[in-house]
Structure formats: C-alpha cells, structure tokens
PDB file of N, CA and C in Angstrom:
ATOM      1  N   MET A   1     -46.929  34.774  27.973  1.00  0.00           N
ATOM      2  CA  MET A   1     -47.431  33.651  27.091  1.00  0.00           C
ATOM      3  C   MET A   1     -48.826  33.025  27.910  1.00  0.00           C
ATOM      4  N   SER A   2     -49.819  32.952  27.192  1.00  0.00           N
ATOM      5  CA  SER A   2     -50.681  32.268  27.590  1.00  0.00           C
ATOM      6  C   SER A   2     -50.792  31.035  27.524  1.00  0.00           C
ATOM      7  N   ALA A   3     -51.221  30.234  28.480  1.00  0.00           N
ATOM      8  CA  ALA A   3     -51.447  28.508  28.740  1.00  0.00           C
ATOM      9  C   ALA A   3     -51.442  28.208  27.297  1.00  0.00           C
ATOM     10  N   SER A   4     -52.387  28.480  26.577  1.00  0.00           N
ATOM     11  CA  SER A   4     -52.623  27.902  24.938  1.00  0.00           C
ATOM     12  C   SER A   4     -51.597  27.862  24.385  1.00  0.00           C
ATOM     13  N   THR A   5     -51.042  29.090  24.149  1.00  0.00           N
ATOM     14  CA  THR A   5     -50.183  29.484  23.217  1.00  0.00           C
ATOM     15  C   THR A   5     -48.700  28.275  23.821  1.00  0.00           C
ATOM     16  N   ALA A   6     -48.399  28.034  24.954  1.00  0.00           N
ATOM     17  CA  ALA A   6     -47.391  27.756  25.268  1.00  0.00           C
ATOM     18  C   ALA A   6     -47.768  26.003  24.932  1.00  0.00           C
ATOM     19  N   LYS A   7     -49.204  25.558  24.974  1.00  0.00           N
ATOM     20  CA  LYS A   7     -49.494  24.442  24.703  1.00  0.00           C
ATOM     21  C   LYS A   7     -49.278  23.963  23.285  1.00  0.00           C
ATOM     22  N   SER A   8     -49.315  24.958  22.429  1.00  0.00           N
ATOM     23  CA  SER A   8     -49.366  24.788  21.087  1.00  0.00           C
ATOM     24  C   SER A   8     -47.901  24.667  20.677  1.00  0.00           C
ATOM     25  N   THR A   9     -47.222  25.299  21.460  1.00  0.00           N
ATOM     26  CA  THR A   9     -45.860  25.683  21.089  1.00  0.00           C
ATOM     27  C   THR A   9     -45.269  24.107  21.159  1.00  0.00           C
ATOM     28  N   ILE A  10     -45.699  23.485  22.814  1.00  0.00           N
ATOM     29  CA  ILE A  10     -45.211  22.190  23.257  1.00  0.00           C
ATOM     30  C   ILE A  10     -45.509  21.291  21.688  1.00  0.00           C
ATOM     31  N   ASP A  11     -47.117  21.097  21.474  1.00  0.00           N
ATOM     32  CA  ASP A  11     -47.564  20.433  20.534  1.00  0.00           C
ATOM     33  C   ASP A  11     -46.797  20.272  19.203  1.00  0.00           C
ATOM     34  N   ALA A  12     -46.195  21.599  19.038  1.00  0.00           N
ATOM     35  CA  ALA A  12     -45.652  21.742  17.712  1.00  0.00           C
ATOM     36  C   ALA A  12     -44.364  21.157  17.704  1.00  0.00           C
ATOM     37  N   ALA A  13     -43.873  21.475  19.039  1.00  0.00           N
ATOM     38  CA  ALA A  13     -42.209  20.941  19.126  1.00  0.00           C
ATOM     39  C   ALA A  13     -42.365  19.342  19.263  1.00  0.00           C
ATOM     40  N   ASN A  14     -43.563  18.856  19.843  1.00  0.00           N
ATOM     41  CA  ASN A  14     -43.367  17.391  19.665  1.00  0.00           C
ATOM     42  C   ASN A  14     -43.520  16.722  18.578  1.00  0.00           C
ATOM     43  N   ASP A  15     -44.422  17.195  17.674  1.00  0.00           N
ATOM     44  CA  ASP A  15     -44.921  17.139  16.227  1.00  0.00           C
ATOM     45  C   ASP A  15     -43.710  16.982  15.660  1.00  0.00           C
ATOM     46  N   ILE A  16     -43.162  18.275  15.701  1.00  0.00           N
ATOM     47  CA  ILE A  16     -41.340  18.324  14.950  1.00  0.00           C
ATOM     48  C   ILE A  16     -40.378  16.989  15.425  1.00  0.00           C
ATOM     49  N   HIS A  17     -40.484  16.613  16.525  1.00  0.00           N
ATOM     50  CA  HIS A  17     -39.451  15.796  17.100  1.00  0.00           C
ATOM     51  C   HIS A  17     -40.272  14.606  16.814  1.00  0.00           C
ATOM     52  N   ASN A  18     -41.217  14.354  16.558  1.00  0.00           N
ATOM     53  CA  ASN A  18     -41.587  12.970  15.931  1.00  0.00           C
ATOM     54  C   ASN A  18     -41.327  12.960  14.799  1.00  0.00           C
ATOM     55  N   GLY A  19     -41.778  13.838  14.038  1.00  0.00           N
ATOM     56  CA  GLY A  19     -40.873  13.628  12.568  1.00  0.00           C
ATOM     57  C   GLY A  19     -39.854  13.629  12.260  1.00  0.00           C
ATOM     58  N   VAL A  20     -38.762  14.267  13.300  1.00  0.00           N
ATOM     59  CA  VAL A  20     -37.692  14.121  12.914  1.00  0.00           C
ATOM     60  C   VAL A  20     -37.529  12.574  13.508  1.00  0.00           C
ATOM     61  N   ASP A  21     -38.017  11.907  14.168  1.00  0.00           N
ATOM     62  CA  ASP A  21     -37.787  10.496  14.798  1.00  0.00           C
ATOM     63  C   ASP A  21     -37.794   9.772  13.776  1.00  0.00           C
ATOM     64  N   THR A  22     -39.195   9.851  13.294  1.00  0.00           N
ATOM     65  CA  THR A  22     -39.571   9.528  11.694  1.00  0.00           C
ATOM     66  C   THR A  22     -38.603   9.224  10.809  1.00  0.00           C
ATOM     67  N   ALA A  23     -38.400  10.358  10.388  1.00  0.00           N
ATOM     68  CA  ALA A  23     -37.317  10.418   9.183  1.00  0.00           C
ATOM     69  C   ALA A  23     -36.119  10.046   9.548  1.00  0.00           C
ATOM     70  N   GLU A  24     -35.454   9.948  10.964  1.00  0.00           N
ATOM     71  CA  GLU A  24     -34.168   8.993  11.160  1.00  0.00           C
ATOM     72  C   GLU A  24     -34.461   7.398  11.148  1.00  0.00           C
ATOM     73  N   GLN A  25     -35.917   7.165  11.650  1.00  0.00           N
ATOM     74  CA  GLN A  25     -35.922   5.839  11.405  1.00  0.00           C
ATOM     75  C   GLN A  25     -35.891   5.371   9.866  1.00  0.00           C
ATOM     76  N   LYS A  26     -36.495   5.925   9.360  1.00  0.00           N
ATOM     77  CA  LYS A  26     -36.634   5.594   7.833  1.00  0.00           C
ATOM     78  C   LYS A  26     -35.299   5.753   6.885  1.00  0.00           C
ATOM     79  N   LEU A  27     -34.457   6.907   7.421  1.00  0.00           N
ATOM     80  CA  LEU A  27     -33.368   6.689   6.840  1.00  0.00           C
ATOM     81  C   LEU A  27     -32.169   5.614   7.556  1.00  0.00           C
ATOM     82  N   ASP A  28     -32.391   5.249   8.852  1.00  0.00           N
ATOM     83  CA  ASP A  28     -31.820   3.937   8.993  1.00  0.00           C
ATOM     84  C   ASP A  28     -32.003   3.148   8.125  1.00  0.00           C
ATOM     85  N   ASP A  29     -33.286   2.366   7.999  1.00  0.00           N
ATOM     86  CA  ASP A  29     -33.869   1.408   7.638  1.00  0.00           C
ATOM     87  C   ASP A  29     -33.259   1.566   5.805  1.00  0.00           C
ATOM     88  N   ASN A  30     -33.429   2.540   5.301  1.00  0.00           N
ATOM     89  CA  ASN A  30     -32.597   2.436   3.990  1.00  0.00           C
ATOM     90  C   ASN A  30     -31.366   2.326   3.856  1.00  0.00           C
ATOM     91  N   ILE A  31     -30.751   2.900   4.807  1.00  0.00           N
ATOM     92  CA  ILE A  31     -29.322   2.484   5.155  1.00  0.00           C
ATOM     93  C   ILE A  31     -28.908   1.179   5.325  1.00  0.00           C
ATOM     94  N   ASP A  32     -29.787   0.282   6.155  1.00  0.00           N
ATOM     95  CA  ASP A  32     -29.379  -0.914   6.179  1.00  0.00           C
ATOM     96  C   ASP A  32     -29.772  -1.606   5.123  1.00  0.00           C
ATOM     97  N   ALA A  33     -30.858  -1.367   4.502  1.00  0.00           N
ATOM     98  CA  ALA A  33     -31.117  -2.358   3.118  1.00  0.00           C
ATOM     99  C   ALA A  33     -30.226  -1.425   1.863  1.00  0.00           C
ATOM    100  N   LEU A  34     -29.677  -0.214   1.835  1.00  0.00           N
ATOM    101  CA  LEU A  34     -28.609  -0.175   0.882  1.00  0.00           C
ATOM    102  C   LEU A  34     -27.211  -1.021   1.449  1.00  0.00           C
ATOM    103  N   SER A  35     -26.692  -1.597   2.475  1.00  0.00           N
ATOM    104  CA  SER A  35     -25.623  -1.835   3.080  1.00  0.00           C
ATOM    105  C   SER A  35     -25.841  -3.077   2.865  1.00  0.00           C
ATOM    106  N   GLU A  36     -26.916  -4.123   2.877  1.00  0.00           N
ATOM    107  CA  GLU A  36     -27.080  -5.383   2.616  1.00  0.00           C
ATOM    108  C   GLU A  36     -27.112  -5.763   0.960  1.00  0.00           C
ATOM    109  N   ARG A  37     -27.439  -4.862   0.188  1.00  0.00           N
ATOM    110  CA  ARG A  37     -27.458  -4.547  -1.557  1.00  0.00           C
ATOM    111  C   ARG A  37     -26.427  -4.295  -1.924  1.00  0.00           C
ATOM    112  N   ILE A  38     -25.334  -3.792  -1.061  1.00  0.00           N
ATOM    113  CA  ILE A  38     -24.020  -3.468  -1.646  1.00  0.00           C
ATOM    114  C   ILE A  38     -23.211  -4.483  -1.489  1.00  0.00           C
ATOM    115  N   ALA A  39     -23.790  -5.358   0.065  1.00  0.00           N
ATOM    116  CA  ALA A  39     -23.167  -6.690   0.123  1.00  0.00           C
ATOM    117  C   ALA A  39     -23.018  -7.746  -0.922  1.00  0.00           C
ATOM    118  N   GLU A  40     -24.454  -7.911  -1.616  1.00  0.00           N
ATOM    119  CA  GLU A  40     -24.662  -8.989  -2.525  1.00  0.00           C
ATOM    120  C   GLU A  40     -24.296  -8.515  -3.545  1.00  0.00           C
ATOM    121  N   LEU A  41     -24.238  -7.241  -3.917  1.00  0.00           N
ATOM    122  CA  LEU A  41     -23.410  -6.984  -5.011  1.00  0.00           C
ATOM    123  C   LEU A  41     -21.600  -7.359  -5.014  1.00  0.00           C
ATOM    124  N   ASP A  42     -21.448  -6.905  -4.041  1.00  0.00           N
ATOM    125  CA  ASP A  42     -20.169  -7.510  -3.861  1.00  0.00           C
ATOM    126  C   ASP A  42     -19.805  -8.801  -4.132  1.00  0.00           C
ATOM    127  N   LYS A  43     -20.444  -9.573  -3.290  1.00  0.00           N
ATOM    128  CA  LYS A  43     -20.245 -10.873  -3.541  1.00  0.00           C
ATOM    129  C   LYS A  43     -20.522 -11.481  -4.945  1.00  0.00           C
ATOM    130  N   GLN A  44     -21.352 -10.987  -5.664  1.00  0.00           N
ATOM    131  CA  GLN A  44     -21.867 -11.420  -7.169  1.00  0.00           C
ATOM    132  C   GLN A  44     -20.799 -10.903  -7.952  1.00  0.00           C
ATOM    133  N   LEU A  45     -19.916  -9.642  -8.031  1.00  0.00           N
ATOM    134  CA  LEU A  45     -18.811  -9.041  -8.478  1.00  0.00           C
ATOM    135  C   LEU A  45     -17.872 -10.111  -8.176  1.00  0.00           C
ATOM    136  N   ARG A  46     -17.762 -10.181  -7.092  1.00  0.00           N
ATOM    137  CA  ARG A  46     -16.246 -11.254  -6.526  1.00  0.00           C
ATOM    138  C   ARG A  46     -16.397 -12.701  -7.253  1.00  0.00           C
ATOM    139  N   GLN A  47     -17.609 -13.151  -7.542  1.00  0.00           N
ATOM    140  CA  GLN A  47     -17.925 -14.376  -8.344  1.00  0.00           C
ATOM    141  C   GLN A  47     -17.809 -14.010  -9.649  1.00  0.00           C
ATOM    142  N   THR A  48     -18.388 -13.237 -10.095  1.00  0.00           N
ATOM    143  CA  THR A  48     -18.106 -13.135 -11.663  1.00  0.00           C
ATOM    144  C   THR A  48     -16.459 -12.847 -12.131  1.00  0.00           C
ATOM    145  N   GLY A  49     -15.805 -12.529 -11.196  1.00  0.00           N
ATOM    146  CA  GLY A  49     -14.603 -12.180 -11.523  1.00  0.00           C
ATOM    147  C   GLY A  49     -13.487 -13.265 -11.093  1.00  0.00           C
ATOM    148  N   GLU A  50     -14.346 -13.954 -10.574  1.00  0.00           N
ATOM    149  CA  GLU A  50     -13.497 -15.654 -10.699  1.00  0.00           C
ATOM    150  C   GLU A  50     -13.547 -16.595 -11.555  1.00  0.00           C
ATOM    151  N   LEU A  51     -15.060 -16.142 -11.932  1.00  0.00           N
ATOM    152  CA  LEU A  51     -15.297 -17.195 -13.050  1.00  0.00           C
ATOM    153  C   LEU A  51     -14.705 -16.133 -14.401  1.00  0.00           C
ATOM    154  N   LEU A  52     -14.691 -15.321 -14.153  1.00  0.00           N
ATOM    155  CA  LEU A  52     -13.813 -14.542 -15.837  1.00  0.00           C
ATOM    156  C   LEU A  52     -12.568 -14.840 -15.830  1.00  0.00           C
ATOM    157  N   LEU A  53     -11.720 -15.230 -14.560  1.00  0.00           N
ATOM    158  CA  LEU A  53     -10.299 -15.599 -14.534  1.00  0.00           C
ATOM    159  C   LEU A  53     -10.233 -16.949 -14.708  1.00  0.00           C
ATOM    160  N   GLN A  54     -10.890 -17.797 -14.215  1.00  0.00           N
ATOM    161  CA  GLN A  54     -11.141 -19.359 -14.676  1.00  0.00           C
ATOM    162  C   GLN A  54     -10.868 -19.541 -16.084  1.00  0.00           C
ATOM    163  N   ASN A  55     -12.056 -18.567 -16.818  1.00  0.00           N
ATOM    164  CA  ASN A  55     -12.374 -18.884 -18.464  1.00  0.00           C
ATOM    165  C   ASN A  55     -11.239 -18.188 -18.943  1.00  0.00           C
ATOM    166  N   ALA A  56     -10.301 -17.192 -18.608  1.00  0.00           N
ATOM    167  CA  ALA A  56      -9.327 -16.636 -19.396  1.00  0.00           C
ATOM    168  C   ALA A  56      -8.255 -17.774 -19.067  1.00  0.00           C
ATOM    169  N   LYS A  57      -7.844 -18.386 -17.608  1.00  0.00           N
ATOM    170  CA  LYS A  57      -6.885 -19.205 -17.949  1.00  0.00           C
ATOM    171  C   LYS A  57      -7.127 -20.650 -18.934  1.00  0.00           C
ATOM    172  N   VAL A  58      -8.318 -21.316 -19.154  1.00  0.00           N
ATOM    173  CA  VAL A  58      -8.746 -22.009 -19.942  1.00  0.00           C
ATOM    174  C   VAL A  58      -8.475 -21.731 -21.060  1.00  0.00           C
ATOM    175  N   LEU A  59      -8.781 -20.435 -21.567  1.00  0.00           N
ATOM    176  CA  LEU A  59      -8.575 -19.970 -22.976  1.00  0.00           C
ATOM    177  C   LEU A  59      -7.066 -19.571 -23.202  1.00  0.00           C
ATOM    178  N   GLY A  60      -6.187 -19.408 -22.291  1.00  0.00           N
ATOM    179  CA  GLY A  60      -5.064 -19.213 -22.250  1.00  0.00           C
ATOM    180  C   GLY A  60      -4.189 -20.095 -22.824  1.00  0.00           C
ATOM    181  N   GLY A  61      -4.780 -21.297 -21.912  1.00  0.00           N
ATOM    182  CA  GLY A  61      -4.087 -22.941 -22.090  1.00  0.00           C
ATOM    183  C   GLY A  61      -4.455 -23.541 -23.741  1.00  0.00           C
ATOM    184  N   SER A  62      -5.637 -23.135 -23.621  1.00  0.00           N
ATOM    185  CA  SER A  62      -6.169 -23.715 -25.216  1.00  0.00           C
ATOM    186  C   SER A  62      -5.388 -22.865 -26.278  1.00  0.00           C
ATOM    187  N   ALA A  63      -5.305 -21.531 -26.389  1.00  0.00           N
ATOM    188  CA  ALA A  63      -4.267 -20.723 -27.022  1.00  0.00           C
ATOM    189  C   ALA A  63      -2.977 -21.192 -27.224  1.00  0.00           C
ATOM    190  N   SER A  64      -2.270 -21.725 -26.267  1.00  0.00           N
ATOM    191  CA  SER A  64      -0.916 -22.175 -25.954  1.00  0.00           C
ATOM    192  C   SER A  64      -0.838 -23.469 -26.933  1.00  0.00           C
ATOM    193  N   LYS A  65      -1.895 -24.073 -26.543  1.00  0.00           N
ATOM    194  CA  LYS A  65      -2.170 -25.715 -26.866  1.00  0.00           C
ATOM    195  C   LYS A  65      -1.913 -25.292 -28.394  1.00  0.00           C
ATOM    196  N   GLN A  66      -2.758 -24.767 -29.278  1.00  0.00           N
ATOM    197  CA  GLN A  66      -2.895 -24.236 -30.402  1.00  0.00           C
ATOM    198  C   GLN A  66      -1.667 -23.811 -31.252  1.00  0.00           C
ATOM    199  N   ILE A  67      -0.890 -22.825 -30.225  1.00  0.00           N
ATOM    200  CA  ILE A  67       0.350 -22.207 -30.720  1.00  0.00           C
ATOM    201  C   ILE A  67       1.387 -23.437 -31.061  1.00  0.00           C
ATOM    202  N   GLN A  68       1.539 -23.966 -30.058  1.00  0.00           N
ATOM    203  CA  GLN A  68       2.359 -25.349 -29.806  1.00  0.00           C
ATOM    204  C   GLN A  68       1.996 -26.554 -30.945  1.00  0.00           C
ATOM    205  N   LEU A  69       0.811 -26.732 -31.337  1.00  0.00           N
ATOM    206  CA  LEU A  69       0.513 -27.471 -32.378  1.00  0.00           C
ATOM    207  C   LEU A  69       0.700 -27.063 -33.892  1.00  0.00           C
ATOM    208  N   HIS A  70       0.439 -25.777 -34.266  1.00  0.00           N
ATOM    209  CA  HIS A  70       0.619 -24.918 -35.454  1.00  0.00           C
ATOM    210  C   HIS A  70       1.608 -23.637 -35.103  1.00  0.00           C
ATOM    211  N   PRO A  71       2.365 -23.600 -34.653  1.00  0.00           N
ATOM    212  CA  PRO A  71       3.426 -22.769 -34.838  1.00  0.00           C
ATOM    213  C   PRO A  71       3.324 -21.482 -35.718  1.00  0.00           C
ATOM    214  N   LEU A  72       3.148 -22.082 -37.252  1.00  0.00           N
ATOM    215  CA  LEU A  72       3.536 -21.428 -38.461  1.00  0.00           C
ATOM    216  C   LEU A  72       2.109 -20.715 -38.770  1.00  0.00           C
ATOM    217  N   ALA A  73       1.003 -21.191 -38.362  1.00  0.00           N
ATOM    218  CA  ALA A  73      -0.287 -20.473 -38.326  1.00  0.00           C
ATOM    219  C   ALA A  73      -0.350 -19.477 -37.441  1.00  0.00           C
ATOM    220  N   ALA A  74       0.245 -19.641 -35.950  1.00  0.00           N
ATOM    221  CA  ALA A  74       0.232 -18.381 -34.997  1.00  0.00           C
ATOM    222  C   ALA A  74       1.116 -17.580 -35.689  1.00  0.00           C
ATOM    223  N   PHE A  75       2.239 -17.719 -36.077  1.00  0.00           N
ATOM    224  CA  PHE A  75       3.009 -16.568 -36.447  1.00  0.00           C
ATOM    225  C   PHE A  75       2.178 -15.715 -37.327  1.00  0.00           C
ATOM    226  N   GLY A  76       1.752 -16.305 -38.357  1.00  0.00           N
ATOM    227  CA  GLY A  76       1.087 -15.697 -39.369  1.00  0.00           C
ATOM    228  C   GLY A  76      -0.076 -14.523 -38.887  1.00  0.00           C
ATOM    229  N   VAL A  77      -0.703 -15.516 -38.121  1.00  0.00           N
ATOM    230  CA  VAL A  77      -2.182 -14.684 -37.484  1.00  0.00           C
ATOM    231  C   VAL A  77      -1.403 -13.377 -37.212  1.00  0.00           C
ATOM    232  N   ALA A  78       0.093 -13.703 -35.743  1.00  0.00           N
ATOM    233  CA  ALA A  78       0.379 -12.605 -35.273  1.00  0.00           C
ATOM    234  C   ALA A  78       1.152 -11.637 -36.093  1.00  0.00           C
ATOM    235  N   PHE A  79       1.396 -11.903 -37.135  1.00  0.00           N
ATOM    236  CA  PHE A  79       2.150 -11.128 -38.255  1.00  0.00           C
ATOM    237  C   PHE A  79       0.961 -10.147 -38.857  1.00  0.00           C
ATOM    238  N   PHE A  80       0.119 -10.839 -39.629  1.00  0.00           N
ATOM    239  CA  PHE A  80      -1.247 -10.217 -39.695  1.00  0.00           C
ATOM    240  C   PHE A  80      -1.708  -9.104 -38.685  1.00  0.00           C
ATOM    241  N   ALA A  81      -1.842  -9.752 -38.258  1.00  0.00           N
ATOM    242  CA  ALA A  81      -2.701  -8.728 -36.671  1.00  0.00           C
ATOM    243  C   ALA A  81      -1.678  -7.759 -36.720  1.00  0.00           C
ATOM    244  N   GLY A  82      -0.506  -7.613 -36.179  1.00  0.00           N
ATOM    245  CA  GLY A  82       0.581  -6.270 -36.128  1.00  0.00           C
ATOM    246  C   GLY A  82       0.430  -5.776 -37.467  1.00  0.00           C
ATOM    247  N   LEU A  83       0.128  -6.295 -39.017  1.00  0.00           N
ATOM    248  CA  LEU A  83       0.326  -5.119 -39.772  1.00  0.00           C
ATOM    249  C   LEU A  83      -0.952  -4.781 -39.824  1.00  0.00           C
ATOM    250  N   THR A  84      -2.132  -4.920 -39.391  1.00  0.00           N
ATOM    251  CA  THR A  84      -3.167  -4.706 -39.005  1.00  0.00           C
ATOM    252  C   THR A  84      -3.478  -3.419 -38.129  1.00  0.00           C
ATOM    253  N   VAL A  85      -2.595  -3.393 -37.159  1.00  0.00           N
ATOM    254  CA  VAL A  85      -2.737  -2.578 -36.197  1.00  0.00           C
ATOM    255  C   VAL A  85      -1.801  -1.552 -36.449  1.00  0.00           C
ATOM    256  N   ALA A  86      -0.621  -1.988 -36.780  1.00  0.00           N
ATOM    257  CA  ALA A  86       0.362  -0.512 -37.596  1.00  0.00           C
ATOM    258  C   ALA A  86      -0.633   0.057 -38.728  1.00  0.00           C
ATOM    259  N   LYS A  87      -1.352  -0.173 -39.577  1.00  0.00           N
ATOM    260  CA  LYS A  87      -2.156   0.379 -40.533  1.00  0.00           C
ATOM    261  C   LYS A  87      -2.906   1.284 -40.043  1.00  0.00           C
ATOM    262  N   LEU A  88      -3.796   0.946 -38.805  1.00  0.00           N
ATOM    263  CA  LEU A  88      -4.917   1.520 -38.151  1.00  0.00           C
ATOM    264  C   LEU A  88      -4.386   2.688 -37.256  1.00  0.00           C
ATOM    265  N   LEU A  89      -3.126   2.403 -36.509  1.00  0.00           N
ATOM    266  CA  LEU A  89      -2.427   3.416 -36.095  1.00  0.00           C
ATOM    267  C   LEU A  89      -1.583   4.391 -37.040  1.00  0.00           C
ATOM    268  N   ARG A  90      -1.269   4.469 -37.956  1.00  0.00           N
ATOM    269  CA  ARG A  90      -0.881   5.170 -39.138  1.00  0.00           C
ATOM    270  C   ARG A  90      -2.133   6.335 -39.609  1.00  0.00           C
ATOM    271  N   ARG A  91      -3.030   5.794 -39.515  1.00  0.00           N
ATOM    272  CA  ARG A  91      -4.436   6.875 -39.765  1.00  0.00           C
ATOM    273  C   ARG A  91      -4.556   8.218 -38.769  1.00  0.00           C
TER     274      ARG A  91
END
C-alpha cells in the first residue's frame, strides 16, 4: 500500500468518525429536547386532569343538590333517559 493511499484511507476513516460523532451529538441533543418536551406535556396533562376532576366534583355536587331539591323532576329525567337508551339499543 502506498503512502498516499494509506493517508487517504486514514483521512476517510477520520471523516467517517467525525460524521458519526456529529450524528451522535445531534441525536443526544434531540433526545434531550424530546425528554424536556415530554416532561412539559406530562405536567400539563396532570394539571388538566386535576382541573377536570375538580370540575367533575363540583358538577356532581350540583347535580346532587338539584336531585335533593327536585326529586320528582330528577326521576322523570332518569325515566325518559332510560326509555331513550332502551329504544336506541333495540335498533
């Protein structure tokens, strides 16, 4: 093998090595960015879930209060809702 061929082979190997190092660094950066984004989304989802749970509790309390104040109306609504569901399920 001549000296120039050996040198060009070494240069090519160095270029490949540098390219792999660059790609590895870019991948590491992207993984870090994705990890941060996932953490942000997780935090947002948890906050939204807590808000939905609080709203569901308030709505449940309100519905319970209305049922206690108007039991006959609540029975009528439940009865007709049951009829409607039964009619839809028969189709």
